Amino acid sequence: ATLYNLIQTSAPINPGDSGGPLVDSLGEVVGI
C-alpha cells in the first residue's frame, strides 16, 4: 500500500516505536 501525506522526521525511530506519538514543542500530538 502507499501511504500519503506523511511527515518525514530526523528523530531516530527504532523497532518498537511504531504507533507512538510524534509531538511538537507544545507537547501536542501532531503525528503517529
Full PDB file with SEQRES, HELIX, SHEET, SSBOND, CRYST1, ORIGX, SCALE, CONECT and MASTER records, all heavy atoms in Angstrom:
SEQRES   1 A   32  ALA THR LEU TYR ASN LEU ILE GLN THR SER ALA PRO ILE          
SEQRES   2 A   32  ASN PRO GLY ASP SER GLY GLY PRO LEU VAL ASP SER LEU          
SEQRES   3 A   32  GLY GLU VAL VAL GLY ILE                                      
SHEET    1 AA1 2 LEU A  22  VAL A  23  0                                        
SHEET    2 AA1 2 VAL A  29  GLY A  31 -1                                        
CRYST1    1.000    1.000    1.000  90.00  90.00  90.00 P 1           1          
ORIGX1      1.000000  0.000000  0.000000        0.00000                         
ORIGX2      0.000000  1.000000  0.000000        0.00000                         
ORIGX3      0.000000  0.000000  1.000000        0.00000                         
SCALE1      1.000000  0.000000  0.000000        0.00000                         
SCALE2      0.000000  1.000000  0.000000        0.00000                         
SCALE3      0.000000  0.000000  1.000000        0.00000                         
ATOM      1  N   ALA A   1       0.846  -1.195   0.000  1.00  0.00           N  
ATOM      2  CA  ALA A   1       0.000   0.000   0.000  1.00  0.00           C  
ATOM      3  C   ALA A   1       0.879   1.241   0.000  1.00  0.00           C  
ATOM      4  O   ALA A   1       2.049   1.191   0.400  1.00  0.00           O  
ATOM      5  CB  ALA A   1      -0.918   0.005   1.222  1.00  0.00           C  
ATOM      6  N   THR A   2       0.319   2.323  -0.471  1.00  0.00           N  
ATOM      7  CA  THR A   2       1.024   3.601  -0.472  1.00  0.00           C  
ATOM      8  C   THR A   2       0.430   4.500   0.600  1.00  0.00           C  
ATOM      9  O   THR A   2      -0.793   4.669   0.673  1.00  0.00           O  
ATOM     10  CB  THR A   2       0.925   4.291  -1.847  1.00  0.00           C  
ATOM     11  OG1 THR A   2       1.504   3.436  -2.846  1.00  0.00           O  
ATOM     12  CG2 THR A   2       1.683   5.612  -1.843  1.00  0.00           C  
ATOM     13  N   LEU A   3       1.283   5.040   1.453  1.00  0.00           N  
ATOM     14  CA  LEU A   3       0.864   5.967   2.489  1.00  0.00           C  
ATOM     15  C   LEU A   3       1.166   7.384   2.020  1.00  0.00           C  
ATOM     16  O   LEU A   3       2.279   7.659   1.550  1.00  0.00           O  
ATOM     17  CB  LEU A   3       1.594   5.680   3.793  1.00  0.00           C  
ATOM     18  CG  LEU A   3       1.427   4.264   4.362  1.00  0.00           C  
ATOM     19  CD1 LEU A   3       2.256   4.092   5.623  1.00  0.00           C  
ATOM     20  CD2 LEU A   3      -0.035   3.959   4.637  1.00  0.00           C  
ATOM     21  N   TYR A   4       0.195   8.272   2.148  1.00  0.00           N  
ATOM     22  CA  TYR A   4       0.313   9.619   1.616  1.00  0.00           C  
ATOM     23  C   TYR A   4       0.387  10.658   2.734  1.00  0.00           C  
ATOM     24  O   TYR A   4      -0.057  10.432   3.852  1.00  0.00           O  
ATOM     25  CB  TYR A   4      -0.896   9.943   0.722  1.00  0.00           C  
ATOM     26  CG  TYR A   4      -1.051   9.003  -0.457  1.00  0.00           C  
ATOM     27  CD1 TYR A   4      -2.006   7.993  -0.449  1.00  0.00           C  
ATOM     28  CD2 TYR A   4      -0.234   9.130  -1.579  1.00  0.00           C  
ATOM     29  CE1 TYR A   4      -2.153   7.127  -1.521  1.00  0.00           C  
ATOM     30  CE2 TYR A   4      -0.374   8.273  -2.658  1.00  0.00           C  
ATOM     31  CZ  TYR A   4      -1.338   7.275  -2.632  1.00  0.00           C  
ATOM     32  OH  TYR A   4      -1.472   6.417  -3.687  1.00  0.00           O  
ATOM     33  N   ASN A   5       0.924  11.813   2.359  1.00  0.00           N  
ATOM     34  CA  ASN A   5       0.905  12.989   3.232  1.00  0.00           C  
ATOM     35  C   ASN A   5       1.577  12.727   4.581  1.00  0.00           C  
ATOM     36  O   ASN A   5       1.080  13.147   5.631  1.00  0.00           O  
ATOM     37  CB  ASN A   5      -0.535  13.461   3.439  1.00  0.00           C  
ATOM     38  CG  ASN A   5      -0.614  14.946   3.734  1.00  0.00           C  
ATOM     39  OD1 ASN A   5       0.283  15.708   3.376  1.00  0.00           O  
ATOM     40  ND2 ASN A   5      -1.685  15.367   4.377  1.00  0.00           N  
ATOM     41  N   LEU A   6       2.717  12.040   4.538  1.00  0.00           N  
ATOM     42  CA  LEU A   6       3.451  11.727   5.757  1.00  0.00           C  
ATOM     43  C   LEU A   6       4.380  12.872   6.159  1.00  0.00           C  
ATOM     44  O   LEU A   6       4.760  13.706   5.336  1.00  0.00           O  
ATOM     45  CB  LEU A   6       4.280  10.462   5.576  1.00  0.00           C  
ATOM     46  CG  LEU A   6       3.524   9.182   5.217  1.00  0.00           C  
ATOM     47  CD1 LEU A   6       4.509   8.031   5.077  1.00  0.00           C  
ATOM     48  CD2 LEU A   6       2.467   8.860   6.265  1.00  0.00           C  
ATOM     49  N   ILE A   7       4.752  12.867   7.428  1.00  0.00           N  
ATOM     50  CA  ILE A   7       5.765  13.775   7.962  1.00  0.00           C  
ATOM     51  C   ILE A   7       7.085  13.024   8.002  1.00  0.00           C  
ATOM     52  O   ILE A   7       7.163  11.945   8.593  1.00  0.00           O  
ATOM     53  CB  ILE A   7       5.394  14.237   9.385  1.00  0.00           C  
ATOM     54  CG1 ILE A   7       4.018  14.908   9.408  1.00  0.00           C  
ATOM     55  CG2 ILE A   7       6.458  15.167   9.958  1.00  0.00           C  
ATOM     56  CD1 ILE A   7       3.422  15.019  10.804  1.00  0.00           C  
ATOM     57  N   GLN A   8       8.106  13.553   7.363  1.00  0.00           N  
ATOM     58  CA  GLN A   8       9.441  12.965   7.484  1.00  0.00           C  
ATOM     59  C   GLN A   8      10.177  13.681   8.612  1.00  0.00           C  
ATOM     60  O   GLN A   8      10.167  14.906   8.687  1.00  0.00           O  
ATOM     61  CB  GLN A   8      10.233  13.093   6.188  1.00  0.00           C  
ATOM     62  CG  GLN A   8      11.630  12.481   6.269  1.00  0.00           C  
ATOM     63  CD  GLN A   8      12.402  12.637   4.974  1.00  0.00           C  
ATOM     64  OE1 GLN A   8      11.850  12.431   3.889  1.00  0.00           O  
ATOM     65  NE2 GLN A   8      13.671  12.993   5.065  1.00  0.00           N  
ATOM     66  N   THR A   9      10.807  12.898   9.478  1.00  0.00           N  
ATOM     67  CA  THR A   9      11.483  13.485  10.628  1.00  0.00           C  
ATOM     68  C   THR A   9      12.865  12.897  10.800  1.00  0.00           C  
ATOM     69  O   THR A   9      13.118  11.744  10.431  1.00  0.00           O  
ATOM     70  CB  THR A   9      10.664  13.262  11.920  1.00  0.00           C  
ATOM     71  OG1 THR A   9      11.408  13.758  13.033  1.00  0.00           O  
ATOM     72  CG2 THR A   9      10.380  11.784  12.146  1.00  0.00           C  
ATOM     73  N   SER A  10      13.761  13.700  11.374  1.00  0.00           N  
ATOM     74  CA  SER A  10      15.109  13.219  11.682  1.00  0.00           C  
ATOM     75  C   SER A  10      15.179  12.588  13.067  1.00  0.00           C  
ATOM     76  O   SER A  10      16.231  12.079  13.450  1.00  0.00           O  
ATOM     77  CB  SER A  10      16.107  14.375  11.605  1.00  0.00           C  
ATOM     78  OG  SER A  10      15.841  15.336  12.617  1.00  0.00           O  
ATOM     79  N   ALA A  11      14.094  12.622  13.821  1.00  0.00           N  
ATOM     80  CA  ALA A  11      14.084  11.965  15.137  1.00  0.00           C  
ATOM     81  C   ALA A  11      14.307  10.473  14.938  1.00  0.00           C  
ATOM     82  O   ALA A  11      13.579   9.832  14.177  1.00  0.00           O  
ATOM     83  CB  ALA A  11      12.751  12.212  15.840  1.00  0.00           C  
ATOM     84  N   PRO A  12      15.323   9.886  15.566  1.00  0.00           N  
ATOM     85  CA  PRO A  12      15.596   8.462  15.370  1.00  0.00           C  
ATOM     86  C   PRO A  12      14.393   7.595  15.718  1.00  0.00           C  
ATOM     87  O   PRO A  12      13.792   7.752  16.781  1.00  0.00           O  
ATOM     88  CB  PRO A  12      16.774   8.200  16.310  1.00  0.00           C  
ATOM     89  CG  PRO A  12      17.447   9.531  16.451  1.00  0.00           C  
ATOM     90  CD  PRO A  12      16.331  10.531  16.434  1.00  0.00           C  
ATOM     91  N   ILE A  13      14.039   6.685  14.812  1.00  0.00           N  
ATOM     92  CA  ILE A  13      12.923   5.764  15.003  1.00  0.00           C  
ATOM     93  C   ILE A  13      13.502   4.360  15.137  1.00  0.00           C  
ATOM     94  O   ILE A  13      14.277   3.925  14.285  1.00  0.00           O  
ATOM     95  CB  ILE A  13      11.946   5.816  13.811  1.00  0.00           C  
ATOM     96  CG1 ILE A  13      11.485   7.250  13.530  1.00  0.00           C  
ATOM     97  CG2 ILE A  13      10.764   4.894  14.055  1.00  0.00           C  
ATOM     98  CD1 ILE A  13      10.737   7.905  14.651  1.00  0.00           C  
ATOM     99  N   ASN A  14      13.124   3.657  16.194  1.00  0.00           N  
ATOM    100  CA  ASN A  14      13.646   2.317  16.442  1.00  0.00           C  
ATOM    101  C   ASN A  14      12.514   1.304  16.466  1.00  0.00           C  
ATOM    102  O   ASN A  14      11.346   1.665  16.670  1.00  0.00           O  
ATOM    103  CB  ASN A  14      14.394   2.287  17.780  1.00  0.00           C  
ATOM    104  CG  ASN A  14      15.621   3.171  17.773  1.00  0.00           C  
ATOM    105  OD1 ASN A  14      16.570   2.913  17.039  1.00  0.00           O  
ATOM    106  ND2 ASN A  14      15.606   4.227  18.580  1.00  0.00           N  
ATOM    107  N   PRO A  15      12.833   0.011  16.245  1.00  0.00           N  
ATOM    108  CA  PRO A  15      11.792  -1.016  16.377  1.00  0.00           C  
ATOM    109  C   PRO A  15      11.116  -0.907  17.734  1.00  0.00           C  
ATOM    110  O   PRO A  15      11.776  -0.782  18.767  1.00  0.00           O  
ATOM    111  CB  PRO A  15      12.594  -2.321  16.243  1.00  0.00           C  
ATOM    112  CG  PRO A  15      13.789  -1.958  15.430  1.00  0.00           C  
ATOM    113  CD  PRO A  15      14.136  -0.556  15.840  1.00  0.00           C  
ATOM    114  N   GLY A  16       9.784  -0.966  17.722  1.00  0.00           N  
ATOM    115  CA  GLY A  16       9.016  -0.790  18.955  1.00  0.00           C  
ATOM    116  C   GLY A  16       8.412   0.595  19.089  1.00  0.00           C  
ATOM    117  O   GLY A  16       7.485   0.794  19.862  1.00  0.00           O  
ATOM    118  N   ASP A  17       8.946   1.572  18.335  1.00  0.00           N  
ATOM    119  CA  ASP A  17       8.400   2.929  18.382  1.00  0.00           C  
ATOM    120  C   ASP A  17       7.111   3.064  17.576  1.00  0.00           C  
ATOM    121  O   ASP A  17       6.372   4.042  17.742  1.00  0.00           O  
ATOM    122  CB  ASP A  17       9.420   3.940  17.849  1.00  0.00           C  
ATOM    123  CG  ASP A  17      10.527   4.239  18.849  1.00  0.00           C  
ATOM    124  OD1 ASP A  17      10.261   4.157  20.055  1.00  0.00           O  
ATOM    125  OD2 ASP A  17      11.646   4.558  18.415  1.00  0.00           O  
ATOM    126  N   SER A  18       6.865   2.120  16.657  1.00  0.00           N  
ATOM    127  CA  SER A  18       5.693   2.212  15.787  1.00  0.00           C  
ATOM    128  C   SER A  18       4.417   2.386  16.593  1.00  0.00           C  
ATOM    129  O   SER A  18       4.173   1.667  17.568  1.00  0.00           O  
ATOM    130  CB  SER A  18       5.579   0.950  14.927  1.00  0.00           C  
ATOM    131  OG  SER A  18       6.591   0.903  13.960  1.00  0.00           O  
ATOM    132  N   GLY A  19       3.596   3.331  16.172  1.00  0.00           N  
ATOM    133  CA  GLY A  19       2.332   3.609  16.842  1.00  0.00           C  
ATOM    134  C   GLY A  19       2.420   4.675  17.900  1.00  0.00           C  
ATOM    135  O   GLY A  19       1.398   5.160  18.381  1.00  0.00           O  
ATOM    136  N   GLY A  20       3.641   5.044  18.292  1.00  0.00           N  
ATOM    137  CA  GLY A  20       3.807   6.067  19.308  1.00  0.00           C  
ATOM    138  C   GLY A  20       3.565   7.459  18.743  1.00  0.00           C  
ATOM    139  O   GLY A  20       3.526   7.663  17.528  1.00  0.00           O  
ATOM    140  N   PRO A  21       3.420   8.447  19.612  1.00  0.00           N  
ATOM    141  CA  PRO A  21       3.120   9.804  19.144  1.00  0.00           C  
ATOM    142  C   PRO A  21       4.364  10.559  18.707  1.00  0.00           C  
ATOM    143  O   PRO A  21       5.443  10.417  19.301  1.00  0.00           O  
ATOM    144  CB  PRO A  21       2.499  10.460  20.380  1.00  0.00           C  
ATOM    145  CG  PRO A  21       3.187   9.778  21.524  1.00  0.00           C  
ATOM    146  CD  PRO A  21       3.406   8.356  21.089  1.00  0.00           C  
ATOM    147  N   LEU A  22       4.214  11.365  17.680  1.00  0.00           N  
ATOM    148  CA  LEU A  22       5.184  12.390  17.314  1.00  0.00           C  
ATOM    149  C   LEU A  22       4.602  13.698  17.822  1.00  0.00           C  
ATOM    150  O   LEU A  22       3.471  14.064  17.465  1.00  0.00           O  
ATOM    151  CB  LEU A  22       5.388  12.443  15.804  1.00  0.00           C  
ATOM    152  CG  LEU A  22       6.505  13.373  15.324  1.00  0.00           C  
ATOM    153  CD1 LEU A  22       7.869  12.747  15.582  1.00  0.00           C  
ATOM    154  CD2 LEU A  22       6.350  13.677  13.822  1.00  0.00           C  
ATOM    155  N   VAL A  23       5.328  14.393  18.689  1.00  0.00           N  
ATOM    156  CA  VAL A  23       4.778  15.574  19.343  1.00  0.00           C  
ATOM    157  C   VAL A  23       5.598  16.812  18.996  1.00  0.00           C  
ATOM    158  O   VAL A  23       6.790  16.721  18.692  1.00  0.00           O  
ATOM    159  CB  VAL A  23       4.716  15.393  20.876  1.00  0.00           C  
ATOM    160  CG1 VAL A  23       3.825  14.222  21.236  1.00  0.00           C  
ATOM    161  CG2 VAL A  23       6.110  15.179  21.462  1.00  0.00           C  
ATOM    162  N   ASP A  24       4.929  17.959  19.039  1.00  0.00           N  
ATOM    163  CA  ASP A  24       5.606  19.218  18.751  1.00  0.00           C  
ATOM    164  C   ASP A  24       6.156  19.820  20.040  1.00  0.00           C  
ATOM    165  O   ASP A  24       6.115  19.197  21.108  1.00  0.00           O  
ATOM    166  CB  ASP A  24       4.663  20.189  18.029  1.00  0.00           C  
ATOM    167  CG  ASP A  24       3.413  20.526  18.844  1.00  0.00           C  
ATOM    168  OD1 ASP A  24       3.412  20.289  20.074  1.00  0.00           O  
ATOM    169  OD2 ASP A  24       2.440  21.032  18.258  1.00  0.00           O  
ATOM    170  N   SER A  25       6.670  21.045  19.949  1.00  0.00           N  
ATOM    171  CA  SER A  25       7.307  21.680  21.101  1.00  0.00           C  
ATOM    172  C   SER A  25       6.311  22.069  22.194  1.00  0.00           C  
ATOM    173  O   SER A  25       6.721  22.440  23.295  1.00  0.00           O  
ATOM    174  CB  SER A  25       8.090  22.917  20.649  1.00  0.00           C  
ATOM    175  OG  SER A  25       7.233  23.843  19.998  1.00  0.00           O  
ATOM    176  N   LEU A  26       5.020  21.973  21.910  1.00  0.00           N  
ATOM    177  CA  LEU A  26       3.994  22.216  22.925  1.00  0.00           C  
ATOM    178  C   LEU A  26       3.561  20.930  23.623  1.00  0.00           C  
ATOM    179  O   LEU A  26       2.706  20.954  24.504  1.00  0.00           O  
ATOM    180  CB  LEU A  26       2.768  22.889  22.292  1.00  0.00           C  
ATOM    181  CG  LEU A  26       2.986  24.265  21.661  1.00  0.00           C  
ATOM    182  CD1 LEU A  26       1.706  24.741  20.973  1.00  0.00           C  
ATOM    183  CD2 LEU A  26       3.434  25.270  22.707  1.00  0.00           C  
ATOM    184  N   GLY A  27       4.133  19.801  23.189  1.00  0.00           N  
ATOM    185  CA  GLY A  27       3.718  18.529  23.748  1.00  0.00           C  
ATOM    186  C   GLY A  27       2.396  18.043  23.194  1.00  0.00           C  
ATOM    187  O   GLY A  27       1.717  17.231  23.822  1.00  0.00           O  
ATOM    188  N   GLU A  28       2.029  18.515  22.004  1.00  0.00           N  
ATOM    189  CA  GLU A  28       0.781  18.106  21.366  1.00  0.00           C  
ATOM    190  C   GLU A  28       1.078  17.095  20.254  1.00  0.00           C  
ATOM    191  O   GLU A  28       2.067  17.234  19.527  1.00  0.00           O  
ATOM    192  CB  GLU A  28       0.058  19.324  20.791  1.00  0.00           C  
ATOM    193  CG  GLU A  28      -0.342  20.335  21.863  1.00  0.00           C  
ATOM    194  CD  GLU A  28      -0.963  21.602  21.285  1.00  0.00           C  
ATOM    195  OE1 GLU A  28      -0.876  21.798  20.054  1.00  0.00           O  
ATOM    196  OE2 GLU A  28      -1.536  22.380  22.066  1.00  0.00           O  
ATOM    197  N   VAL A  29       0.219  16.099  20.138  1.00  0.00           N  
ATOM    198  CA  VAL A  29       0.438  15.047  19.149  1.00  0.00           C  
ATOM    199  C   VAL A  29       0.131  15.581  17.752  1.00  0.00           C  
ATOM    200  O   VAL A  29      -0.987  16.008  17.459  1.00  0.00           O  
ATOM    201  CB  VAL A  29      -0.444  13.821  19.451  1.00  0.00           C  
ATOM    202  CG1 VAL A  29      -0.307  12.777  18.341  1.00  0.00           C  
ATOM    203  CG2 VAL A  29      -0.063  13.213  20.788  1.00  0.00           C  
ATOM    204  N   VAL A  30       1.154  15.552  16.891  1.00  0.00           N  
ATOM    205  CA  VAL A  30       0.985  16.018  15.508  1.00  0.00           C  
ATOM    206  C   VAL A  30       1.152  14.881  14.511  1.00  0.00           C  
ATOM    207  O   VAL A  30       0.917  15.060  13.313  1.00  0.00           O  
ATOM    208  CB  VAL A  30       1.975  17.148  15.172  1.00  0.00           C  
ATOM    209  CG1 VAL A  30       1.627  18.419  15.931  1.00  0.00           C  
ATOM    210  CG2 VAL A  30       3.419  16.729  15.456  1.00  0.00           C  
ATOM    211  N   GLY A  31       1.550  13.712  14.988  1.00  0.00           N  
ATOM    212  CA  GLY A  31       1.728  12.592  14.079  1.00  0.00           C  
ATOM    213  C   GLY A  31       1.799  11.273  14.819  1.00  0.00           C  
ATOM    214  O   GLY A  31       1.875  11.223  16.051  1.00  0.00           O  
ATOM    215  N   ILE A  32       1.762  10.187  14.044  1.00  0.00           N  
ATOM    216  CA  ILE A  32       1.834   8.833  14.580  1.00  0.00           C  
ATOM    217  C   ILE A  32       2.996   8.134  13.891  1.00  0.00           C  
ATOM    218  O   ILE A  32       2.967   7.895  12.677  1.00  0.00           O  
ATOM    219  CB  ILE A  32       0.519   8.069  14.336  1.00  0.00           C  
ATOM    220  CG1 ILE A  32      -0.651   8.848  14.951  1.00  0.00           C  
ATOM    221  CG2 ILE A  32       0.586   6.665  14.904  1.00  0.00           C  
ATOM    222  CD1 ILE A  32      -1.985   8.516  14.342  1.00  0.00           C  
TER     223      ILE A  32                                                      
MASTER        0    0    0    0    2    0    0    6  222    1    0    3          
END                                                                             
